[in-house]
Protein backbone atom coordinates (compact mmCIF):
# COMPACT_ATOMS: atom_id res chain seq x y z
CA MET A 1 97.73 81.32 36.05
CA ASN A 2 101.07 79.55 37.41
CA HIS A 3 99.66 76.37 38.20
CA GLU A 4 98.40 75.75 34.91
CA LYS A 5 101.93 75.66 33.24
CA LEU A 6 103.65 72.61 33.14
CA GLY A 7 107.43 72.30 33.81
CA THR A 8 109.58 70.93 30.89
CA GLY A 9 110.24 67.96 32.70
CA LYS A 10 106.89 66.90 33.28
CA ILE A 11 106.12 67.55 29.59
CA ILE A 12 108.69 65.08 28.81
CA SER A 13 107.49 62.49 30.82
CA ILE A 14 104.12 62.53 29.35
CA SER A 15 105.88 62.59 25.65
CA LEU A 16 107.84 59.56 26.90
CA MET A 17 104.73 57.73 28.30
CA LEU A 18 103.14 58.46 25.09
CA PHE A 19 105.91 57.29 22.84
CA ALA A 20 105.82 54.09 25.26
CA MET A 21 102.22 53.29 24.78
CA PHE A 22 102.72 53.50 21.17
CA PHE A 23 105.92 51.81 20.83
CA GLY A 24 104.35 48.19 21.43
CA ALA A 25 105.26 44.59 19.83
CA GLY A 26 104.93 45.62 15.68
CA ASN A 27 106.62 48.88 16.25
CA MET A 28 109.49 46.86 17.78
CA ILE A 29 109.57 44.01 14.94
CA PHE A 30 108.62 46.07 11.82
CA PRO A 31 111.07 48.26 10.95
CA PRO A 32 113.71 45.69 11.51
CA MET A 33 112.47 43.70 9.17
CA LEU A 34 111.69 46.69 6.81
CA GLY A 35 114.97 47.13 6.63
CA TYR A 36 115.69 43.56 6.24
CA LEU A 37 113.77 43.25 3.14
CA GLY A 38 114.57 47.26 2.23
CA GLY A 39 118.02 46.73 1.95
CA GLU A 40 119.57 49.64 0.28
CA ASN A 41 116.25 51.12 0.16
CA PHE A 42 115.22 51.20 4.12
CA PHE A 43 115.39 54.53 4.90
CA GLN A 44 112.65 55.05 2.17
CA GLY A 45 110.90 52.28 3.57
CA THR A 46 111.09 53.64 6.62
CA LEU A 47 110.17 56.67 5.94
CA GLY A 48 106.70 55.61 4.89
CA PHE A 49 106.19 53.87 7.73
CA VAL A 50 107.03 56.80 9.95
CA VAL A 51 104.33 58.97 8.10
CA THR A 52 101.66 56.37 8.58
CA ASP A 53 102.80 55.34 11.93
CA ALA A 54 103.79 58.47 13.63
CA GLY A 55 102.49 60.97 11.33
CA LEU A 56 98.67 59.56 11.90
CA SER A 57 99.67 58.88 16.23
CA ILE A 58 99.92 62.74 16.33
CA LEU A 59 96.74 63.54 13.92
CA GLY A 60 94.55 61.01 16.01
CA ILE A 61 95.89 62.45 19.30
CA ALA A 62 94.76 65.70 17.57
CA ALA A 63 91.58 65.04 16.57
CA ILE A 64 90.75 63.64 20.13
CA VAL A 65 91.80 66.80 22.00
CA LEU A 66 90.75 69.86 19.78
CA VAL A 67 86.77 68.56 19.74
CA GLY A 68 86.93 67.36 23.35
CA THR A 69 88.84 64.71 26.08
CA LYS A 70 87.32 61.57 24.65
CA LEU A 71 86.61 59.32 22.14
CA ASP A 72 82.70 59.58 22.11
CA ASP A 73 83.47 63.54 21.68
CA LEU A 74 85.02 62.90 18.19
CA ALA A 75 82.85 59.71 16.89
CA SER A 76 79.72 61.09 17.99
CA LEU A 77 80.04 63.86 15.66
CA VAL A 78 78.96 61.27 13.07
CA GLY A 79 76.17 59.75 15.40
CA PRO A 80 75.80 57.79 18.75
CA LYS A 81 75.75 53.80 17.33
CA PHE A 82 78.70 55.05 15.05
CA SER A 83 80.74 56.08 18.16
CA ILE A 84 79.66 53.04 20.00
CA PHE A 85 80.74 50.92 16.92
CA VAL A 86 84.18 52.56 16.71
CA GLY A 87 85.12 52.57 20.52
CA MET A 88 84.55 48.67 20.63
CA THR A 89 86.37 48.19 16.99
CA ILE A 90 89.32 50.34 18.79
CA TYR A 91 89.49 48.87 21.81
CA LEU A 92 89.36 45.32 20.22
CA LEU A 93 91.85 46.23 17.83
CA ILE A 94 94.32 47.33 20.17
CA GLY A 95 93.35 45.05 23.12
CA PRO A 96 92.71 41.12 22.68
CA LEU A 97 92.07 40.98 18.88
CA PHE A 98 95.52 41.89 17.92
CA ALA A 99 97.93 43.63 19.82
CA LEU A 100 97.67 42.02 22.99
CA PRO A 101 98.51 38.78 21.41
CA ARG A 102 101.20 40.39 19.70
CA THR A 103 102.60 42.14 22.38
CA GLY A 104 102.90 39.00 24.20
CA THR A 105 104.16 37.03 21.53
CA VAL A 106 107.21 38.97 20.26
CA SER A 107 108.42 39.30 24.36
CA TYR A 108 108.68 35.42 24.24
CA GLU A 109 110.42 35.26 20.81
CA ILE A 110 112.80 38.12 21.88
CA ALA A 111 113.38 37.89 25.91
CA ALA A 112 112.82 34.35 26.15
CA ILE A 113 113.72 32.29 23.13
CA PRO A 114 117.05 33.22 22.81
CA PHE A 115 117.71 31.25 25.99
CA LEU A 116 115.66 28.54 26.10
CA GLY A 117 116.11 27.75 22.06
CA GLU A 118 113.79 27.37 19.42
CA GLY A 119 112.19 24.13 20.56
CA ALA A 120 111.38 25.22 23.53
CA GLY A 121 107.76 23.81 24.51
CA ILE A 122 104.31 25.19 24.55
CA VAL A 123 104.40 25.32 28.59
CA SER A 124 107.37 27.85 28.73
CA SER A 125 105.39 29.97 26.48
CA VAL A 126 102.22 30.40 29.08
CA VAL A 127 104.20 30.69 31.81
CA PHE A 128 106.04 33.85 30.26
CA THR A 129 103.03 34.96 28.95
CA ALA A 130 101.39 34.70 32.13
CA LEU A 131 104.32 36.52 34.34
CA PHE A 132 104.82 39.19 31.59
CA PHE A 133 100.67 40.36 31.68
CA GLY A 134 100.48 39.60 35.19
CA ILE A 135 103.61 42.46 35.92
CA THR A 136 101.82 44.57 33.21
CA PHE A 137 98.53 44.14 35.21
CA ILE A 138 99.98 45.37 38.65
CA LEU A 139 101.64 48.29 36.92
CA CYS A 140 98.51 49.56 35.72
CA LEU A 141 96.70 49.43 38.82
CA ASN A 142 97.39 52.64 39.78
CA PRO A 143 96.73 54.93 36.50
CA SER A 144 98.24 58.14 38.45
CA ARG A 145 101.37 56.65 38.51
CA ILE A 146 101.49 55.29 34.86
CA VAL A 147 103.79 58.62 33.90
CA ASP A 148 105.94 57.58 36.45
CA ILE A 149 106.69 53.67 36.15
CA VAL A 150 106.56 54.33 32.24
CA GLY A 151 107.79 57.81 31.34
CA LYS A 152 110.59 58.07 34.03
CA VAL A 153 111.42 54.61 33.97
CA LEU A 154 110.58 52.09 31.77
CA THR A 155 111.17 54.37 28.24
CA PRO A 156 114.39 55.75 29.30
CA ILE A 157 115.50 51.94 29.72
CA LEU A 158 113.45 50.74 26.25
CA LEU A 159 115.66 53.70 24.37
CA ILE A 160 118.84 53.32 26.27
CA SER A 161 118.61 49.45 24.94
CA ILE A 162 117.54 50.60 21.68
CA ALA A 163 120.45 53.37 21.19
CA VAL A 164 123.33 50.76 22.40
CA ILE A 165 122.19 48.30 19.73
CA PHE A 166 122.03 50.88 17.20
CA ILE A 167 125.65 52.51 18.20
CA VAL A 168 127.54 49.50 17.97
CA SER A 169 125.63 48.54 14.86
CA VAL A 170 127.31 51.74 13.26
CA ILE A 171 130.64 51.22 14.96
CA ASN A 172 130.58 47.03 14.11
CA PRO A 173 128.47 46.66 11.76
CA VAL A 174 126.50 43.43 11.81
CA GLY A 175 127.22 42.57 8.03
CA GLN A 176 126.52 44.82 4.85
CA ILE A 177 123.60 46.33 3.36
CA GLY A 178 122.48 44.55 0.19
CA ALA A 179 119.71 44.62 -2.50
CA PRO A 180 116.09 45.75 -1.84
CA LYS A 181 113.65 42.44 -1.99
CA GLY A 182 110.24 42.09 -3.32
CA GLU A 183 107.56 45.32 -3.00
CA TYR A 184 110.58 47.54 -1.62
CA ALA A 185 112.73 47.09 -4.62
CA GLU A 186 110.19 48.96 -7.11
CA MET A 187 108.33 50.94 -4.18
CA PRO A 188 110.00 51.46 -0.83
CA PHE A 189 108.07 54.19 0.42
CA PHE A 190 104.51 52.83 -0.44
CA LYS A 191 105.02 49.50 0.75
CA GLY A 192 106.38 51.42 4.21
CA MET A 193 103.48 53.51 4.36
CA VAL A 194 101.24 49.96 4.36
CA GLU A 195 103.34 48.57 6.88
CA GLY A 196 102.60 51.75 8.96
CA TYR A 197 99.51 51.19 9.16
CA LEU A 198 99.65 47.65 10.44
CA ALA A 199 101.16 49.02 13.76
CA LEU A 200 97.74 49.93 14.78
CA ASP A 201 98.88 53.20 16.30
CA GLY A 202 96.42 55.53 14.44
CA LEU A 203 93.83 54.20 15.71
CA ALA A 204 95.23 53.52 19.34
CA ALA A 205 95.95 57.59 19.27
CA LEU A 206 92.10 57.42 19.80
CA ALA A 207 92.33 55.90 22.67
CA PHE A 208 95.83 56.95 23.95
CA ALA A 209 94.84 60.50 23.82
CA ILE A 210 92.47 59.86 26.61
CA VAL A 211 95.41 58.82 28.73
CA VAL A 212 96.93 62.27 28.13
CA ILE A 213 94.63 64.04 28.74
CA ASN A 214 93.72 62.79 32.24
CA ALA A 215 97.43 62.95 32.83
CA ILE A 216 97.62 66.64 32.25
CA ARG A 217 94.51 67.27 34.38
CA ASP A 218 96.07 65.48 37.20
CA MET A 219 99.02 67.35 37.24
CA GLY A 220 96.50 70.34 38.04
CA VAL A 221 96.28 71.44 34.47
CA THR A 222 92.34 72.63 34.08
CA GLU A 223 92.11 75.31 31.23
CA SER A 224 90.64 73.63 27.88
CA LYS A 225 93.61 75.83 26.16
CA SER A 226 96.29 74.45 28.25
CA ILE A 227 95.72 71.04 28.16
CA VAL A 228 95.06 71.32 23.87
CA ARG A 229 98.32 72.85 23.88
CA TYR A 230 100.10 70.17 26.20
CA THR A 231 98.60 67.13 24.63
CA LEU A 232 99.02 68.19 21.46
CA MET A 233 103.12 68.30 22.28
CA ALA A 234 103.43 65.54 23.98
CA GLY A 235 101.92 63.67 20.53
CA ILE A 236 104.49 65.89 18.30
CA LEU A 237 107.08 64.94 20.79
CA ALA A 238 106.26 61.37 20.75
CA GLY A 239 105.97 61.19 16.93
CA ILE A 240 109.57 62.78 16.92
CA GLY A 241 110.57 60.03 18.90
CA LEU A 242 109.07 57.03 17.11
CA GLY A 243 110.57 58.35 13.81
CA VAL A 244 114.12 58.89 14.80
CA VAL A 245 113.60 54.79 16.75
CA TYR A 246 112.10 53.19 13.62
CA LEU A 247 115.19 54.59 11.43
CA ALA A 248 117.76 53.47 13.88
CA LEU A 249 115.72 49.91 14.37
CA GLY A 250 115.37 50.33 10.11
CA PHE A 251 119.09 50.46 9.92
CA VAL A 252 120.20 47.53 12.17
CA GLY A 253 117.57 45.44 10.19
CA ALA A 254 119.13 46.50 6.98
CA GLN A 255 122.82 45.29 7.78
CA THR A 256 121.19 41.85 7.84
CA SER A 257 119.86 42.29 4.27
CA MET A 258 122.77 40.41 2.42
CA GLU A 259 121.23 37.10 4.24
CA ASP A 260 118.76 35.52 2.38
CA GLY A 261 116.24 33.21 3.50
CA VAL A 262 117.04 33.45 7.38
CA TYR A 263 114.93 35.31 9.02
CA GLY A 264 110.93 35.24 9.77
CA ASN A 265 110.48 38.27 11.14
CA GLY A 266 112.08 41.52 13.38
CA GLY A 267 112.05 39.70 16.40
CA GLN A 268 114.35 37.48 15.00
CA ILE A 269 116.32 39.84 13.72
CA LEU A 270 116.38 42.15 17.05
CA ALA A 271 117.51 38.38 18.81
CA SER A 272 120.32 37.58 16.04
CA VAL A 273 121.81 41.04 15.89
CA VAL A 274 121.70 41.20 19.77
């Protein structure tokens, strides 16, 4: 049936929305720091990061849509109590316990600190965070418009910004790529894998799949096989996008690897490079 088929533009919009949902604060700051510490081994380290971040994200999306349409459908295969526990744990981890505070902090460090200076007080942090999450709340008031707002507007701006940073770094290098530091000298791939877990996308995928499924339904797709197909397509495309961006950010960070003891996190690296 014709109404069960999504056009290329809609599939790309859903994929970009999912990419943006995955691409949070950790995804922005971990790869540059990985590049900074990995130096000449940044590619192996970033590849390990991609495996456990983008790889687990795709598997999480697939796990949900292949058994149903929500997290309970997957977790209830173990038991109802386990389903409640897993659901609460995931939403707390990608919400108030880890992801939300990290998102506010990283945004403040990248967007405000370079202009306010390191001596900016707690008041500026509180004001910035309130404005940041206030705007986020307004954008999320209408769930049906999330695909348009995030997939068609915010994500392209984000990708263009990262592309500009990467291209300029290739044309006009920030510095030379130096020797790897610490564990990145001995086991860069596996160290990158551990860092990939910390982005929390493997767990977040179990919740984000629901948003994708609902977005596909809102576009008129009701047949189960079509929902599965388009959800998997969006997950794979988003995962590929994540991998490409991680490699670009890892390369940017690697150009600062000859500077010792200068950067405490990836946010500082990006601010300095920009």
